[in-house]
């Protein structure tokens, strides 16, 4: 890869889901937890913070995007958000000649 290629290292936070609850955060029904539904193995979420992390290698030539759902629940009510993760292309392939001589 070239030095100017921006690559998100494994474990990096790629975004943070955020939900609010009008109930007091001091009560059990005011505590929000996050989860992923239908997510690929290349992402994970921290249930207490909503931080979505890159946990696997992504390559635009393999998959240009991933779609999944983030859920937020207070133990009684659940809210969902559709997410599309778009993979940027990296200059990770060298040019090749089709013949050794011309």
C-alpha atoms as a PDB file:
ATOM      1  CA  UNK A   1       0.000   0.000   0.000  1.00  0.00           C
ATOM      2  CA  UNK A   2       1.149   3.526  -0.588  1.00  0.00           C
ATOM      3  CA  UNK A   3       1.881   5.838   2.311  1.00  0.00           C
ATOM      4  CA  UNK A   4      -0.964   8.176   1.378  1.00  0.00           C
ATOM      5  CA  UNK A   5      -3.600   5.448   1.689  1.00  0.00           C
ATOM      6  CA  UNK A   6      -5.897   6.068   4.656  1.00  0.00           C
ATOM      7  CA  UNK A   7      -6.643   2.797   6.389  1.00  0.00           C
ATOM      8  CA  UNK A   8      -8.665   2.370   9.554  1.00  0.00           C
ATOM      9  CA  UNK A   9      -6.759  -0.026  11.791  1.00  0.00           C
ATOM     10  CA  UNK A  10      -8.571  -2.949  13.382  1.00  0.00           C
ATOM     11  CA  UNK A  11     -10.200  -1.896  16.635  1.00  0.00           C
ATOM     12  CA  UNK A  12     -10.731   1.710  15.594  1.00  0.00           C
ATOM     13  CA  UNK A  13     -14.080   3.363  16.289  1.00  0.00           C
ATOM     14  CA  UNK A  14     -15.779   4.060  12.954  1.00  0.00           C
ATOM     15  CA  UNK A  15     -18.831   5.754  14.465  1.00  0.00           C
ATOM     16  CA  UNK A  16     -20.800   6.045  17.697  1.00  0.00           C
ATOM     17  CA  UNK A  17     -24.527   5.345  17.804  1.00  0.00           C
ATOM     18  CA  UNK A  18     -26.419   7.656  20.136  1.00  0.00           C
ATOM     19  CA  UNK A  19     -29.908   7.374  21.588  1.00  0.00           C
ATOM     20  CA  UNK A  20     -31.652   9.301  24.348  1.00  0.00           C
ATOM     21  CA  UNK A  21     -34.190   8.244  26.949  1.00  0.00           C
ATOM     22  CA  UNK A  22     -36.348  10.674  28.919  1.00  0.00           C
ATOM     23  CA  UNK A  23     -36.390   8.338  31.934  1.00  0.00           C
ATOM     24  CA  UNK A  24     -33.893   9.071  34.688  1.00  0.00           C
ATOM     25  CA  UNK A  25     -30.521   7.447  34.056  1.00  0.00           C
ATOM     26  CA  UNK A  26     -30.564   6.502  37.756  1.00  0.00           C
ATOM     27  CA  UNK A  27     -33.316   3.941  37.073  1.00  0.00           C
ATOM     28  CA  UNK A  28     -33.086   0.660  35.186  1.00  0.00           C
ATOM     29  CA  UNK A  29     -35.486   1.865  32.472  1.00  0.00           C
ATOM     30  CA  UNK A  30     -33.265   4.880  31.842  1.00  0.00           C
ATOM     31  CA  UNK A  31     -30.176   2.827  31.016  1.00  0.00           C
ATOM     32  CA  UNK A  32     -29.662   2.396  27.270  1.00  0.00           C
ATOM     33  CA  UNK A  33     -27.824  -0.560  25.791  1.00  0.00           C
ATOM     34  CA  UNK A  34     -26.851  -0.987  22.168  1.00  0.00           C
ATOM     35  CA  UNK A  35     -26.659  -4.051  19.921  1.00  0.00           C
ATOM     36  CA  UNK A  36     -26.163  -4.934  16.262  1.00  0.00           C
ATOM     37  CA  UNK A  37     -28.624  -6.924  14.158  1.00  0.00           C
ATOM     38  CA  UNK A  38     -27.621  -8.518  10.877  1.00  0.00           C
ATOM     39  CA  UNK A  39     -24.141  -7.071  11.163  1.00  0.00           C
ATOM     40  CA  UNK A  40     -21.174  -8.512   9.308  1.00  0.00           C
ATOM     41  CA  UNK A  41     -18.295  -9.983  11.268  1.00  0.00           C
ATOM     42  CA  UNK A  42     -16.141  -6.960  10.389  1.00  0.00           C
ATOM     43  CA  UNK A  43     -17.874  -4.714  12.967  1.00  0.00           C
ATOM     44  CA  UNK A  44     -18.781  -4.913  16.637  1.00  0.00           C
ATOM     45  CA  UNK A  45     -20.507  -2.596  19.115  1.00  0.00           C
ATOM     46  CA  UNK A  46     -19.825  -1.724  22.735  1.00  0.00           C
ATOM     47  CA  UNK A  47     -23.215  -2.230  24.377  1.00  0.00           C
ATOM     48  CA  UNK A  48     -22.787   0.525  26.967  1.00  0.00           C
ATOM     49  CA  UNK A  49     -21.403   3.294  24.724  1.00  0.00           C
ATOM     50  CA  UNK A  50     -22.701   2.570  21.210  1.00  0.00           C
ATOM     51  CA  UNK A  51     -19.184   2.680  19.777  1.00  0.00           C
ATOM     52  CA  UNK A  52     -19.012   0.662  16.563  1.00  0.00           C
ATOM     53  CA  UNK A  53     -15.532  -0.695  15.895  1.00  0.00           C
ATOM     54  CA  UNK A  54     -13.844  -2.216  12.897  1.00  0.00           C
ATOM     55  CA  UNK A  55     -13.023  -5.824  13.843  1.00  0.00           C
ATOM     56  CA  UNK A  56     -12.191  -7.310  10.456  1.00  0.00           C
ATOM     57  CA  UNK A  57     -10.430  -6.411   7.244  1.00  0.00           C
ATOM     58  CA  UNK A  58     -12.581  -4.686   4.618  1.00  0.00           C
ATOM     59  CA  UNK A  59     -11.738  -4.327   0.927  1.00  0.00           C
ATOM     60  CA  UNK A  60     -13.841  -2.360  -1.545  1.00  0.00           C
ATOM     61  CA  UNK A  61     -13.017  -4.872  -4.301  1.00  0.00           C
ATOM     62  CA  UNK A  62     -14.723  -7.544  -2.180  1.00  0.00           C
ATOM     63  CA  UNK A  63     -17.606  -5.546  -0.626  1.00  0.00           C
ATOM     64  CA  UNK A  64     -18.278  -1.891  -1.403  1.00  0.00           C
ATOM     65  CA  UNK A  65     -20.702  -1.556   1.523  1.00  0.00           C
ATOM     66  CA  UNK A  66     -22.248  -3.338   4.480  1.00  0.00           C
ATOM     67  CA  UNK A  67     -25.801  -2.837   5.764  1.00  0.00           C
ATOM     68  CA  UNK A  68     -27.006  -3.667   9.257  1.00  0.00           C
ATOM     69  CA  UNK A  69     -29.169  -2.374  12.088  1.00  0.00           C
ATOM     70  CA  UNK A  70     -28.213  -0.794  15.401  1.00  0.00           C
ATOM     71  CA  UNK A  71     -30.713  -1.263  18.219  1.00  0.00           C
ATOM     72  CA  UNK A  72     -30.980   0.787  21.399  1.00  0.00           C
ATOM     73  CA  UNK A  73     -33.082  -0.488  24.266  1.00  0.00           C
ATOM     74  CA  UNK A  74     -33.911   0.571  27.791  1.00  0.00           C
ATOM     75  CA  UNK A  75     -35.084  -2.945  28.618  1.00  0.00           C
ATOM     76  CA  UNK A  76     -38.684  -2.158  27.719  1.00  0.00           C
ATOM     77  CA  UNK A  77     -38.712  -0.064  24.545  1.00  0.00           C
ATOM     78  CA  UNK A  78     -36.418  -0.571  21.559  1.00  0.00           C
ATOM     79  CA  UNK A  79     -35.418   1.854  18.831  1.00  0.00           C
ATOM     80  CA  UNK A  80     -33.626   0.864  15.633  1.00  0.00           C
ATOM     81  CA  UNK A  81     -31.486   2.666  13.080  1.00  0.00           C
ATOM     82  CA  UNK A  82     -30.482   1.354   9.662  1.00  0.00           C
ATOM     83  CA  UNK A  83     -26.761   1.709   8.941  1.00  0.00           C
ATOM     84  CA  UNK A  84     -24.901   1.502   5.669  1.00  0.00           C
ATOM     85  CA  UNK A  85     -21.138   1.343   6.032  1.00  0.00           C
ATOM     86  CA  UNK A  86     -19.481   2.433   2.785  1.00  0.00           C
ATOM     87  CA  UNK A  87     -15.951   1.172   2.202  1.00  0.00           C
ATOM     88  CA  UNK A  88     -13.611   3.684   0.582  1.00  0.00           C
ATOM     89  CA  UNK A  89     -11.266   2.406  -2.056  1.00  0.00           C
ATOM     90  CA  UNK A  90      -7.574   2.151  -1.221  1.00  0.00           C
ATOM     91  CA  UNK A  91      -4.828   2.046  -3.794  1.00  0.00           C
ATOM     92  CA  UNK A  92      -3.811  -1.454  -2.703  1.00  0.00           C
ATOM     93  CA  UNK A  93      -3.206  -3.162  -6.059  1.00  0.00           C
ATOM     94  CA  UNK A  94      -0.185  -2.676  -8.301  1.00  0.00           C
ATOM     95  CA  UNK A  95      -0.553  -2.411 -12.066  1.00  0.00           C
ATOM     96  CA  UNK A  96       0.488  -5.515 -13.990  1.00  0.00           C
ATOM     97  CA  UNK A  97       1.556  -5.934 -17.599  1.00  0.00           C
ATOM     98  CA  UNK A  98      -0.471  -8.530 -19.467  1.00  0.00           C
ATOM     99  CA  UNK A  99       2.665  -9.804 -21.232  1.00  0.00           C
ATOM    100  CA  UNK A 100       6.295  -9.982 -20.119  1.00  0.00           C
ATOM    101  CA  UNK A 101       7.588  -8.415 -23.350  1.00  0.00           C
ATOM    102  CA  UNK A 102       6.106  -6.400 -26.216  1.00  0.00           C
END
